[in-house]
Amino acid sequence: MFVYFDLGNVLLQFDHRRACRQLAGMTGATPDRIWEIVFAGELERRFELGEITREEFTDHLARQLGCPPERPRWENAAADIFTPIEGMADLARHLHRRGIPLGILSNTNVLHWEFVLQNHRWMDELFSVHALSYRLGLMKPDSRIYRRAAELADSVGEPIFFVDDREENVSAAVEAGWDAVRFRSRRQLEDDLRQRGLLS
């Protein structure tokens, strides 16, 4: 069985408001104004779909704020939103040592993913497949992203177990024929894995 994990609020916690506060501190805007520009409209969604580049993302933000972009600083401020969830790295290592193939299926953008790889190297070491929305041009819960993720895992027709923190993404995975559960805690996920013989 192939096991797919969501990234945000499953493997790592994230806080978009933190990005807004950090960007506000650099630009002189309010956190609410940053939220309005990035998250209240379509900008973040388009970025996660790979429809715009990192340069276009920061250029749009700069135009809305009326100031020149400071790309490296702004990019880091936008990406530095993650904190570890206790025990999840150890759980992934345990599954990896047992020879269970692992992947990440996430709605994310290039800035977030690069930051994660730089600061949480186990993501690249333990997960052999990275099915990421900005690369695939698709986002959960679109049914097509589950088909593409199965192809990337070389698991078409084979069982896939998936864990995500959002019910609509879990439901879409079940509709795609996957075995999927909603993440509530590490202990709950360990129980789900034991029930499927994936964890001793």
N, C-alpha and C. Protein backbone atom coordinates (compact mmCIF):
# COMPACT_ATOMS: atom_id res chain seq x y z
N MET A 1 0.84 -1.20 0.00
CA MET A 1 0.00 0.00 0.00
C MET A 1 0.88 1.25 0.00
N PHE A 2 0.52 2.21 -0.83
CA PHE A 2 1.21 3.51 -0.86
C PHE A 2 0.50 4.45 0.10
N VAL A 3 1.26 5.26 0.84
CA VAL A 3 0.68 6.17 1.83
C VAL A 3 1.00 7.61 1.43
N TYR A 4 -0.05 8.40 1.23
CA TYR A 4 0.08 9.82 0.94
C TYR A 4 -0.30 10.64 2.18
N PHE A 5 0.54 11.61 2.51
CA PHE A 5 0.26 12.57 3.56
C PHE A 5 -0.01 13.94 2.95
N ASP A 6 -0.98 14.65 3.49
CA ASP A 6 -1.05 16.09 3.25
C ASP A 6 0.11 16.74 3.99
N LEU A 7 0.48 17.93 3.57
CA LEU A 7 1.60 18.64 4.21
C LEU A 7 1.11 19.52 5.36
N GLY A 8 0.32 20.54 5.06
CA GLY A 8 -0.07 21.52 6.06
C GLY A 8 -1.09 21.00 7.04
N ASN A 9 -0.80 21.18 8.32
CA ASN A 9 -1.63 20.75 9.43
C ASN A 9 -1.78 19.24 9.53
N VAL A 10 -0.86 18.52 8.88
CA VAL A 10 -0.72 17.08 9.07
C VAL A 10 0.73 16.78 9.43
N LEU A 11 1.65 17.14 8.55
CA LEU A 11 3.07 16.98 8.85
C LEU A 11 3.64 18.21 9.54
N LEU A 12 3.23 19.38 9.10
CA LEU A 12 3.66 20.64 9.69
C LEU A 12 2.45 21.54 9.89
N GLN A 13 2.42 22.24 11.01
CA GLN A 13 1.40 23.27 11.17
C GLN A 13 1.78 24.50 10.35
N PHE A 14 0.77 25.24 9.91
CA PHE A 14 1.08 26.49 9.21
C PHE A 14 0.12 27.58 9.66
N ASP A 15 0.55 28.82 9.47
CA ASP A 15 -0.24 29.97 9.91
C ASP A 15 -0.09 31.09 8.88
N HIS A 16 -1.10 31.24 8.02
CA HIS A 16 -1.05 32.30 7.02
C HIS A 16 -1.03 33.69 7.66
N ARG A 17 -1.64 33.83 8.81
CA ARG A 17 -1.64 35.13 9.49
C ARG A 17 -0.21 35.54 9.88
N ARG A 18 0.61 34.56 10.15
CA ARG A 18 2.02 34.85 10.46
C ARG A 18 2.70 35.50 9.26
N ALA A 19 2.44 34.98 8.07
CA ALA A 19 3.00 35.60 6.86
C ALA A 19 2.51 37.03 6.71
N CYS A 20 1.23 37.26 7.00
CA CYS A 20 0.69 38.61 6.89
C CYS A 20 1.38 39.56 7.86
N ARG A 21 1.60 39.10 9.07
CA ARG A 21 2.29 39.96 10.06
C ARG A 21 3.72 40.25 9.64
N GLN A 22 4.40 39.24 9.13
CA GLN A 22 5.79 39.42 8.72
C GLN A 22 5.91 40.35 7.52
N LEU A 23 5.04 40.17 6.55
CA LEU A 23 5.06 41.05 5.38
C LEU A 23 4.65 42.47 5.75
N ALA A 24 3.71 42.59 6.67
CA ALA A 24 3.29 43.92 7.10
C ALA A 24 4.45 44.67 7.74
N GLY A 25 5.25 43.95 8.53
CA GLY A 25 6.38 44.58 9.19
C GLY A 25 7.44 45.08 8.21
N MET A 26 7.48 44.49 7.03
CA MET A 26 8.47 44.89 6.03
C MET A 26 7.97 45.98 5.08
N THR A 27 6.67 46.07 4.93
CA THR A 27 6.11 46.94 3.90
C THR A 27 5.41 48.18 4.46
N GLY A 28 5.12 48.18 5.74
CA GLY A 28 4.38 49.29 6.32
C GLY A 28 2.88 49.16 6.17
N ALA A 29 2.42 48.10 5.52
CA ALA A 29 0.98 47.84 5.41
C ALA A 29 0.50 47.16 6.69
N THR A 30 -0.81 47.07 6.84
CA THR A 30 -1.36 46.34 7.98
C THR A 30 -1.46 44.86 7.62
N PRO A 31 -1.45 43.98 8.61
CA PRO A 31 -1.66 42.56 8.32
C PRO A 31 -2.98 42.30 7.60
N ASP A 32 -4.01 43.05 7.93
CA ASP A 32 -5.30 42.86 7.26
C ASP A 32 -5.21 43.23 5.78
N ARG A 33 -4.41 44.26 5.47
CA ARG A 33 -4.25 44.65 4.06
C ARG A 33 -3.51 43.56 3.29
N ILE A 34 -2.48 42.97 3.91
CA ILE A 34 -1.78 41.86 3.26
C ILE A 34 -2.73 40.69 3.04
N TRP A 35 -3.54 40.39 4.03
CA TRP A 35 -4.51 39.29 3.90
C TRP A 35 -5.47 39.57 2.74
N GLU A 36 -5.94 40.79 2.66
CA GLU A 36 -6.87 41.16 1.59
C GLU A 36 -6.25 40.93 0.21
N ILE A 37 -5.00 41.31 0.05
CA ILE A 37 -4.33 41.19 -1.24
C ILE A 37 -4.04 39.73 -1.59
N VAL A 38 -3.51 38.98 -0.63
CA VAL A 38 -3.00 37.64 -0.92
C VAL A 38 -4.07 36.57 -0.81
N PHE A 39 -4.87 36.62 0.25
CA PHE A 39 -5.74 35.49 0.56
C PHE A 39 -7.22 35.73 0.30
N ALA A 40 -7.67 36.98 0.35
CA ALA A 40 -9.10 37.24 0.20
C ALA A 40 -9.54 37.11 -1.26
N GLY A 41 -8.62 37.30 -2.18
CA GLY A 41 -8.94 37.17 -3.60
C GLY A 41 -8.41 35.87 -4.17
N GLU A 42 -7.92 35.94 -5.40
CA GLU A 42 -7.48 34.74 -6.12
C GLU A 42 -5.96 34.59 -6.16
N LEU A 43 -5.21 35.52 -5.57
CA LEU A 43 -3.76 35.50 -5.74
C LEU A 43 -3.15 34.21 -5.20
N GLU A 44 -3.44 33.86 -3.96
CA GLU A 44 -2.84 32.66 -3.38
C GLU A 44 -3.28 31.40 -4.14
N ARG A 45 -4.54 31.33 -4.51
CA ARG A 45 -5.03 30.17 -5.25
C ARG A 45 -4.30 30.04 -6.59
N ARG A 46 -4.14 31.14 -7.31
CA ARG A 46 -3.44 31.09 -8.59
C ARG A 46 -1.98 30.69 -8.41
N PHE A 47 -1.37 31.14 -7.31
CA PHE A 47 0.01 30.78 -7.02
C PHE A 47 0.12 29.28 -6.73
N GLU A 48 -0.83 28.75 -5.97
CA GLU A 48 -0.80 27.33 -5.65
C GLU A 48 -1.14 26.45 -6.85
N LEU A 49 -1.83 27.02 -7.82
CA LEU A 49 -2.11 26.27 -9.05
C LEU A 49 -0.97 26.38 -10.07
N GLY A 50 0.04 27.17 -9.74
CA GLY A 50 1.15 27.34 -10.67
C GLY A 50 0.82 28.23 -11.85
N GLU A 51 -0.24 29.00 -11.73
CA GLU A 51 -0.64 29.88 -12.83
C GLU A 51 0.21 31.15 -12.89
N ILE A 52 0.85 31.50 -11.78
CA ILE A 52 1.74 32.66 -11.75
C ILE A 52 3.06 32.24 -11.12
N THR A 53 4.13 32.92 -11.49
CA THR A 53 5.46 32.64 -10.96
C THR A 53 5.67 33.35 -9.63
N ARG A 54 6.77 33.03 -9.00
CA ARG A 54 7.11 33.71 -7.74
C ARG A 54 7.34 35.19 -7.98
N GLU A 55 7.93 35.53 -9.13
CA GLU A 55 8.14 36.94 -9.46
C GLU A 55 6.81 37.66 -9.67
N GLU A 56 5.89 37.01 -10.35
CA GLU A 56 4.58 37.62 -10.57
C GLU A 56 3.82 37.79 -9.26
N PHE A 57 4.02 36.85 -8.35
CA PHE A 57 3.38 36.94 -7.04
C PHE A 57 3.86 38.18 -6.29
N THR A 58 5.18 38.35 -6.18
CA THR A 58 5.71 39.50 -5.45
C THR A 58 5.47 40.81 -6.19
N ASP A 59 5.49 40.77 -7.53
CA ASP A 59 5.21 41.98 -8.30
C ASP A 59 3.77 42.45 -8.07
N HIS A 60 2.83 41.51 -8.03
CA HIS A 60 1.43 41.87 -7.78
C HIS A 60 1.29 42.49 -6.40
N LEU A 61 1.92 41.88 -5.41
CA LEU A 61 1.86 42.42 -4.05
C LEU A 61 2.45 43.83 -4.02
N ALA A 62 3.58 44.02 -4.69
CA ALA A 62 4.21 45.35 -4.71
C ALA A 62 3.31 46.40 -5.36
N ARG A 63 2.68 46.03 -6.48
CA ARG A 63 1.79 46.99 -7.15
C ARG A 63 0.64 47.39 -6.24
N GLN A 64 0.06 46.42 -5.56
CA GLN A 64 -1.06 46.71 -4.68
C GLN A 64 -0.65 47.58 -3.50
N LEU A 65 0.59 47.42 -3.06
CA LEU A 65 1.08 48.20 -1.92
C LEU A 65 1.72 49.52 -2.34
N GLY A 66 2.01 49.66 -3.63
CA GLY A 66 2.61 50.89 -4.13
C GLY A 66 4.06 51.07 -3.72
N CYS A 67 4.80 49.96 -3.72
CA CYS A 67 6.22 50.03 -3.37
C CYS A 67 6.98 48.99 -4.18
N PRO A 68 8.29 49.17 -4.36
CA PRO A 68 9.06 48.19 -5.13
C PRO A 68 9.18 46.87 -4.37
N PRO A 69 9.20 45.74 -5.07
CA PRO A 69 9.32 44.44 -4.39
C PRO A 69 10.73 44.23 -3.84
N GLU A 70 10.81 43.62 -2.68
CA GLU A 70 12.07 43.18 -2.11
C GLU A 70 12.03 41.66 -2.06
N ARG A 71 12.37 41.04 -3.19
CA ARG A 71 12.02 39.63 -3.38
C ARG A 71 12.57 38.67 -2.33
N PRO A 72 13.86 38.62 -2.07
CA PRO A 72 14.31 37.59 -1.12
C PRO A 72 13.67 37.75 0.26
N ARG A 73 13.58 38.98 0.74
CA ARG A 73 13.01 39.21 2.08
C ARG A 73 11.52 38.91 2.08
N TRP A 74 10.80 39.37 1.08
CA TRP A 74 9.37 39.12 1.02
C TRP A 74 9.07 37.63 0.85
N GLU A 75 9.85 36.97 0.02
CA GLU A 75 9.62 35.54 -0.20
C GLU A 75 9.81 34.76 1.09
N ASN A 76 10.86 35.10 1.85
CA ASN A 76 11.09 34.38 3.10
C ASN A 76 9.98 34.67 4.11
N ALA A 77 9.54 35.93 4.15
CA ALA A 77 8.46 36.29 5.07
C ALA A 77 7.16 35.56 4.72
N ALA A 78 6.90 35.40 3.43
CA ALA A 78 5.69 34.71 3.00
C ALA A 78 5.77 33.22 3.26
N ALA A 79 6.98 32.66 3.24
CA ALA A 79 7.14 31.21 3.34
C ALA A 79 7.35 30.71 4.75
N ASP A 80 7.85 31.56 5.63
CA ASP A 80 8.21 31.13 6.99
C ASP A 80 6.96 31.09 7.87
N ILE A 81 6.14 30.06 7.64
CA ILE A 81 4.86 29.95 8.36
C ILE A 81 4.69 28.57 9.01
N PHE A 82 5.72 27.73 8.96
CA PHE A 82 5.56 26.33 9.36
C PHE A 82 6.23 26.04 10.69
N THR A 83 5.59 25.18 11.48
CA THR A 83 6.17 24.64 12.70
C THR A 83 5.89 23.14 12.74
N PRO A 84 6.82 22.35 13.30
CA PRO A 84 6.63 20.90 13.33
C PRO A 84 5.42 20.49 14.19
N ILE A 85 4.79 19.43 13.80
CA ILE A 85 3.78 18.78 14.63
C ILE A 85 4.47 17.63 15.36
N GLU A 86 4.41 17.65 16.66
CA GLU A 86 5.17 16.71 17.47
C GLU A 86 4.91 15.26 17.07
N GLY A 87 5.98 14.54 16.82
CA GLY A 87 5.90 13.12 16.56
C GLY A 87 5.68 12.72 15.12
N MET A 88 5.33 13.68 14.25
CA MET A 88 5.00 13.30 12.88
C MET A 88 6.24 12.91 12.07
N ALA A 89 7.37 13.57 12.29
CA ALA A 89 8.59 13.17 11.60
C ALA A 89 9.00 11.76 12.03
N ASP A 90 8.89 11.46 13.31
CA ASP A 90 9.24 10.13 13.80
C ASP A 90 8.31 9.07 13.23
N LEU A 91 7.03 9.40 13.12
CA LEU A 91 6.07 8.46 12.54
C LEU A 91 6.42 8.17 11.08
N ALA A 92 6.74 9.21 10.33
CA ALA A 92 7.11 9.01 8.93
C ALA A 92 8.40 8.20 8.82
N ARG A 93 9.36 8.44 9.69
CA ARG A 93 10.59 7.65 9.68
C ARG A 93 10.32 6.19 9.96
N HIS A 94 9.43 5.93 10.89
CA HIS A 94 9.10 4.54 11.23
C HIS A 94 8.48 3.82 10.03
N LEU A 95 7.54 4.48 9.36
CA LEU A 95 6.93 3.88 8.18
C LEU A 95 7.97 3.65 7.09
N HIS A 96 8.85 4.62 6.91
CA HIS A 96 9.89 4.51 5.89
C HIS A 96 10.81 3.33 6.18
N ARG A 97 11.19 3.16 7.44
CA ARG A 97 12.05 2.04 7.81
C ARG A 97 11.38 0.70 7.56
N ARG A 98 10.06 0.67 7.64
CA ARG A 98 9.32 -0.56 7.37
C ARG A 98 9.18 -0.84 5.87
N GLY A 99 9.67 0.06 5.05
CA GLY A 99 9.62 -0.14 3.61
C GLY A 99 8.32 0.28 2.97
N ILE A 100 7.52 1.06 3.67
CA ILE A 100 6.24 1.52 3.13
C ILE A 100 6.50 2.77 2.27
N PRO A 101 6.11 2.75 1.01
CA PRO A 101 6.35 3.93 0.15
C PRO A 101 5.47 5.10 0.58
N LEU A 102 6.09 6.27 0.65
CA LEU A 102 5.42 7.46 1.16
C LEU A 102 5.45 8.60 0.14
N GLY A 103 4.40 9.40 0.15
CA GLY A 103 4.35 10.58 -0.70
C GLY A 103 3.64 11.72 -0.01
N ILE A 104 3.81 12.91 -0.55
CA ILE A 104 3.12 14.11 -0.07
C ILE A 104 2.19 14.59 -1.17
N LEU A 105 0.92 14.78 -0.84
CA LEU A 105 -0.08 15.33 -1.75
C LEU A 105 -0.59 16.62 -1.12
N SER A 106 -0.20 17.75 -1.70
CA SER A 106 -0.45 19.02 -1.02
C SER A 106 -0.83 20.13 -1.98
N ASN A 107 -1.76 20.97 -1.54
CA ASN A 107 -1.99 22.25 -2.19
C ASN A 107 -0.95 23.22 -1.64
N THR A 108 0.01 23.60 -2.46
CA THR A 108 1.09 24.46 -1.98
C THR A 108 1.68 25.22 -3.14
N ASN A 109 2.60 26.14 -2.83
CA ASN A 109 3.26 26.93 -3.87
C ASN A 109 4.77 26.74 -3.78
N VAL A 110 5.47 27.26 -4.75
CA VAL A 110 6.91 27.03 -4.83
C VAL A 110 7.66 27.63 -3.66
N LEU A 111 7.24 28.78 -3.15
CA LEU A 111 7.93 29.39 -2.02
C LEU A 111 7.80 28.54 -0.77
N HIS A 112 6.60 28.06 -0.51
CA HIS A 112 6.38 27.21 0.67
C HIS A 112 7.16 25.91 0.55
N TRP A 113 7.12 25.30 -0.63
CA TRP A 113 7.79 24.01 -0.78
C TRP A 113 9.30 24.14 -0.65
N GLU A 114 9.88 25.16 -1.25
CA GLU A 114 11.32 25.36 -1.13
C GLU A 114 11.72 25.62 0.32
N PHE A 115 10.91 26.38 1.04
CA PHE A 115 11.20 26.65 2.45
C PHE A 115 11.14 25.35 3.25
N VAL A 116 10.14 24.54 2.99
CA VAL A 116 10.01 23.26 3.71
C VAL A 116 11.23 22.38 3.46
N LEU A 117 11.65 22.25 2.22
CA LEU A 117 12.79 21.40 1.91
C LEU A 117 14.08 21.91 2.57
N GLN A 118 14.23 23.22 2.63
CA GLN A 118 15.44 23.80 3.23
C GLN A 118 15.48 23.62 4.74
N ASN A 119 14.32 23.62 5.37
CA ASN A 119 14.26 23.62 6.83
C ASN A 119 13.79 22.31 7.45
N HIS A 120 13.28 21.42 6.63
CA HIS A 120 12.79 20.13 7.12
C HIS A 120 13.23 19.06 6.10
N ARG A 121 14.51 18.75 6.13
CA ARG A 121 15.09 17.90 5.10
C ARG A 121 14.50 16.50 5.06
N TRP A 122 13.91 16.07 6.16
CA TRP A 122 13.30 14.74 6.18
C TRP A 122 12.15 14.62 5.19
N MET A 123 11.57 15.74 4.78
CA MET A 123 10.50 15.70 3.78
C MET A 123 10.99 15.10 2.47
N ASP A 124 12.21 15.44 2.10
CA ASP A 124 12.78 14.92 0.86
C ASP A 124 13.37 13.53 1.05
N GLU A 125 13.88 13.27 2.25
CA GLU A 125 14.53 11.99 2.52
C GLU A 125 13.54 10.84 2.64
N LEU A 126 12.36 11.10 3.22
CA LEU A 126 11.42 10.03 3.55
C LEU A 126 10.32 9.86 2.52
N PHE A 127 9.98 10.93 1.79
CA PHE A 127 8.84 10.89 0.87
C PHE A 127 9.36 10.84 -0.56
N SER A 128 9.09 9.74 -1.23
CA SER A 128 9.64 9.52 -2.57
C SER A 128 8.85 10.25 -3.65
N VAL A 129 7.60 10.61 -3.37
CA VAL A 129 6.74 11.25 -4.37
C VAL A 129 6.21 12.56 -3.78
N HIS A 130 6.29 13.62 -4.58
CA HIS A 130 5.78 14.93 -4.17
C HIS A 130 4.74 15.36 -5.20
N ALA A 131 3.48 15.13 -4.88
CA ALA A 131 2.38 15.50 -5.77
C ALA A 131 1.87 16.87 -5.30
N LEU A 132 2.38 17.93 -5.92
CA LEU A 132 2.17 19.28 -5.44
C LEU A 132 1.32 20.07 -6.42
N SER A 133 0.38 20.81 -5.90
CA SER A 133 -0.59 21.49 -6.76
C SER A 133 0.07 22.43 -7.76
N TYR A 134 1.09 23.16 -7.34
CA TYR A 134 1.68 24.15 -8.25
C TYR A 134 2.42 23.48 -9.41
N ARG A 135 2.85 22.23 -9.22
CA ARG A 135 3.48 21.48 -10.30
C ARG A 135 2.45 20.82 -11.21
N LEU A 136 1.34 20.37 -10.62
CA LEU A 136 0.35 19.62 -11.38
C LEU A 136 -0.70 20.51 -12.02
N GLY A 137 -0.81 21.77 -11.56
CA GLY A 137 -1.85 22.64 -12.07
C GLY A 137 -3.24 22.23 -11.63
N LEU A 138 -3.31 21.52 -10.53
CA LEU A 138 -4.57 21.02 -9.98
C LEU A 138 -4.51 21.14 -8.46
N MET A 139 -5.70 21.34 -7.85
CA MET A 139 -5.76 21.43 -6.40
C MET A 139 -6.82 20.49 -5.84
N LYS A 140 -6.53 19.93 -4.68
CA LYS A 140 -7.56 19.20 -3.95
C LYS A 140 -8.71 20.16 -3.63
N PRO A 141 -9.94 19.74 -3.70
CA PRO A 141 -10.42 18.37 -3.90
C PRO A 141 -10.78 18.00 -5.34
N ASP A 142 -10.21 18.66 -6.33
CA ASP A 142 -10.44 18.29 -7.73
C ASP A 142 -10.10 16.82 -7.94
N SER A 143 -11.02 16.06 -8.48
CA SER A 143 -10.82 14.61 -8.64
C SER A 143 -9.60 14.29 -9.49
N ARG A 144 -9.23 15.20 -10.40
CA ARG A 144 -8.12 14.92 -11.30
C ARG A 144 -6.78 14.85 -10.57
N ILE A 145 -6.65 15.56 -9.45
CA ILE A 145 -5.36 15.54 -8.77
C ILE A 145 -5.11 14.19 -8.13
N TYR A 146 -6.17 13.49 -7.75
CA TYR A 146 -5.99 12.16 -7.16
C TYR A 146 -5.58 11.15 -8.23
N ARG A 147 -6.10 11.32 -9.43
CA ARG A 147 -5.67 10.43 -10.53
C ARG A 147 -4.20 10.68 -10.85
N ARG A 148 -3.80 11.94 -10.91
CA ARG A 148 -2.40 12.25 -11.20
C ARG A 148 -1.49 11.77 -10.08
N ALA A 149 -1.94 11.91 -8.85
CA ALA A 149 -1.12 11.46 -7.72
C ALA A 149 -0.95 9.95 -7.76
N ALA A 150 -2.00 9.22 -8.13
CA ALA A 150 -1.89 7.76 -8.25
C ALA A 150 -0.90 7.39 -9.34
N GLU A 151 -0.91 8.12 -10.44
CA GLU A 151 0.04 7.86 -11.52
C GLU A 151 1.47 8.13 -11.06
N LEU A 152 1.68 9.23 -10.34
CA LEU A 152 3.01 9.56 -9.86
C LEU A 152 3.54 8.50 -8.88
N ALA A 153 2.62 7.94 -8.10
CA ALA A 153 3.01 6.91 -7.15
C ALA A 153 3.12 5.54 -7.80
N ASP A 154 2.83 5.48 -9.09
CA ASP A 154 2.82 4.20 -9.81
C ASP A 154 1.89 3.23 -9.11
N SER A 155 0.73 3.76 -8.66
CA SER A 155 -0.21 2.96 -7.87
C SER A 155 -1.60 2.91 -8.48
N VAL A 156 -1.70 3.14 -9.79
CA VAL A 156 -3.01 3.05 -10.44
C VAL A 156 -3.50 1.61 -10.29
N GLY A 157 -4.67 1.49 -9.68
CA GLY A 157 -5.24 0.16 -9.45
C GLY A 157 -4.75 -0.49 -8.17
N GLU A 158 -3.77 0.13 -7.51
CA GLU A 158 -3.26 -0.40 -6.25
C GLU A 158 -3.82 0.43 -5.09
N PRO A 159 -3.88 -0.15 -3.89
CA PRO A 159 -4.44 0.60 -2.75
C PRO A 159 -3.57 1.78 -2.32
N ILE A 160 -4.23 2.88 -2.02
CA ILE A 160 -3.57 4.08 -1.51
C ILE A 160 -4.27 4.49 -0.23
N PHE A 161 -3.49 4.77 0.79
CA PHE A 161 -4.01 5.34 2.03
C PHE A 161 -3.60 6.81 2.08
N PHE A 162 -4.54 7.68 2.48
CA PHE A 162 -4.31 9.12 2.45
C PHE A 162 -4.83 9.75 3.73
N VAL A 163 -4.07 10.70 4.25
CA VAL A 163 -4.49 11.46 5.42
C VAL A 163 -4.42 12.95 5.13
N ASP A 164 -5.49 13.67 5.45
CA ASP A 164 -5.60 15.10 5.19
C ASP A 164 -6.40 15.71 6.33
N ASP A 165 -6.18 16.99 6.59
CA ASP A 165 -6.90 17.63 7.69
C ASP A 165 -8.24 18.19 7.28
N ARG A 166 -8.56 18.21 5.98
CA ARG A 166 -9.81 18.81 5.51
C ARG A 166 -10.76 17.73 5.01
N GLU A 167 -11.99 17.79 5.50
CA GLU A 167 -12.97 16.73 5.20
C GLU A 167 -13.27 16.65 3.71
N GLU A 168 -13.33 17.80 3.02
CA GLU A 168 -13.65 17.76 1.59
C GLU A 168 -12.56 17.05 0.79
N ASN A 169 -11.32 17.16 1.24
CA ASN A 169 -10.23 16.47 0.55
C ASN A 169 -10.24 14.98 0.82
N VAL A 170 -10.61 14.62 2.04
CA VAL A 170 -10.75 13.20 2.39
C VAL A 170 -11.89 12.58 1.59
N SER A 171 -13.02 13.27 1.53
CA SER A 171 -14.18 12.74 0.80
C SER A 171 -13.87 12.55 -0.68
N ALA A 172 -13.15 13.51 -1.26
CA ALA A 172 -12.79 13.39 -2.67
C ALA A 172 -11.84 12.22 -2.90
N ALA A 173 -10.94 11.97 -1.96
CA ALA A 173 -10.04 10.83 -2.07
C ALA A 173 -10.81 9.52 -2.01
N VAL A 174 -11.79 9.43 -1.12
CA VAL A 174 -12.62 8.23 -1.02
C VAL A 174 -13.39 8.01 -2.32
N GLU A 175 -13.91 9.09 -2.90
CA GLU A 175 -14.62 8.98 -4.17
C GLU A 175 -13.69 8.50 -5.28
N ALA A 176 -12.40 8.82 -5.16
CA ALA A 176 -11.41 8.37 -6.15
C ALA A 176 -11.00 6.92 -5.93
N GLY A 177 -11.54 6.29 -4.89
CA GLY A 177 -11.23 4.89 -4.64
C GLY A 177 -10.12 4.67 -3.62
N TRP A 178 -9.68 5.75 -2.97
CA TRP A 178 -8.64 5.63 -1.97
C TRP A 178 -9.23 5.33 -0.60
N ASP A 179 -8.40 4.82 0.27
CA ASP A 179 -8.72 4.69 1.69
C ASP A 179 -8.18 5.95 2.35
N ALA A 180 -9.06 6.77 2.93
CA ALA A 180 -8.63 8.08 3.42
C ALA A 180 -9.26 8.39 4.76
N VAL A 181 -8.52 9.11 5.59
CA VAL A 181 -9.02 9.52 6.90
C VAL A 181 -8.67 10.98 7.13
N ARG A 182 -9.44 11.60 8.00
CA ARG A 182 -9.15 12.99 8.39
C ARG A 182 -8.20 12.99 9.57
N PHE A 183 -7.18 13.85 9.49
CA PHE A 183 -6.20 13.94 10.57
C PHE A 183 -6.73 14.81 11.70
N ARG A 184 -6.69 14.25 12.90
CA ARG A 184 -7.05 15.00 14.10
C ARG A 184 -5.92 15.03 15.12
N SER A 185 -5.13 13.97 15.15
CA SER A 185 -3.99 13.92 16.06
C SER A 185 -3.05 12.81 15.60
N ARG A 186 -1.80 12.87 16.05
CA ARG A 186 -0.85 11.80 15.73
C ARG A 186 -1.34 10.47 16.28
N ARG A 187 -1.85 10.47 17.50
CA ARG A 187 -2.32 9.21 18.10
C ARG A 187 -3.46 8.59 17.31
N GLN A 188 -4.38 9.44 16.89
CA GLN A 188 -5.50 8.93 16.07
C GLN A 188 -4.99 8.33 14.77
N LEU A 189 -4.01 9.01 14.13
CA LEU A 189 -3.47 8.49 12.87
C LEU A 189 -2.74 7.18 13.10
N GLU A 190 -2.01 7.07 14.19
CA GLU A 190 -1.33 5.81 14.50
C GLU A 190 -2.33 4.67 14.64
N ASP A 191 -3.47 4.95 15.27
CA ASP A 191 -4.51 3.93 15.39
C ASP A 191 -5.05 3.53 14.01
N ASP A 192 -5.25 4.52 13.14
CA ASP A 192 -5.73 4.23 11.78
C ASP A 192 -4.72 3.38 11.01
N LEU A 193 -3.44 3.67 11.17
CA LEU A 193 -2.41 2.91 10.49
C LEU A 193 -2.33 1.48 11.03
N ARG A 194 -2.48 1.31 12.34
CA ARG A 194 -2.44 -0.03 12.93
C ARG A 194 -3.60 -0.87 12.41
N GLN A 195 -4.77 -0.26 12.29
CA GLN A 195 -5.94 -0.99 11.79
C GLN A 195 -5.70 -1.54 10.39
N ARG A 196 -4.82 -0.90 9.64
CA ARG A 196 -4.55 -1.32 8.27
C ARG A 196 -3.25 -2.14 8.18
N GLY A 197 -2.68 -2.48 9.31
CA GLY A 197 -1.47 -3.30 9.32
C GLY A 197 -0.23 -2.56 8.86
N LEU A 198 -0.27 -1.22 8.88
CA LEU A 198 0.87 -0.43 8.43
C LEU A 198 1.78 -0.01 9.58
N LEU A 199 1.32 -0.21 10.80
CA LEU A 199 2.09 0.18 11.97
C LEU A 199 1.93 -0.90 13.03
N SER A 200 3.04 -1.29 13.61
CA SER A 200 2.99 -2.34 14.63
C SER A 200 2.75 -1.75 16.00
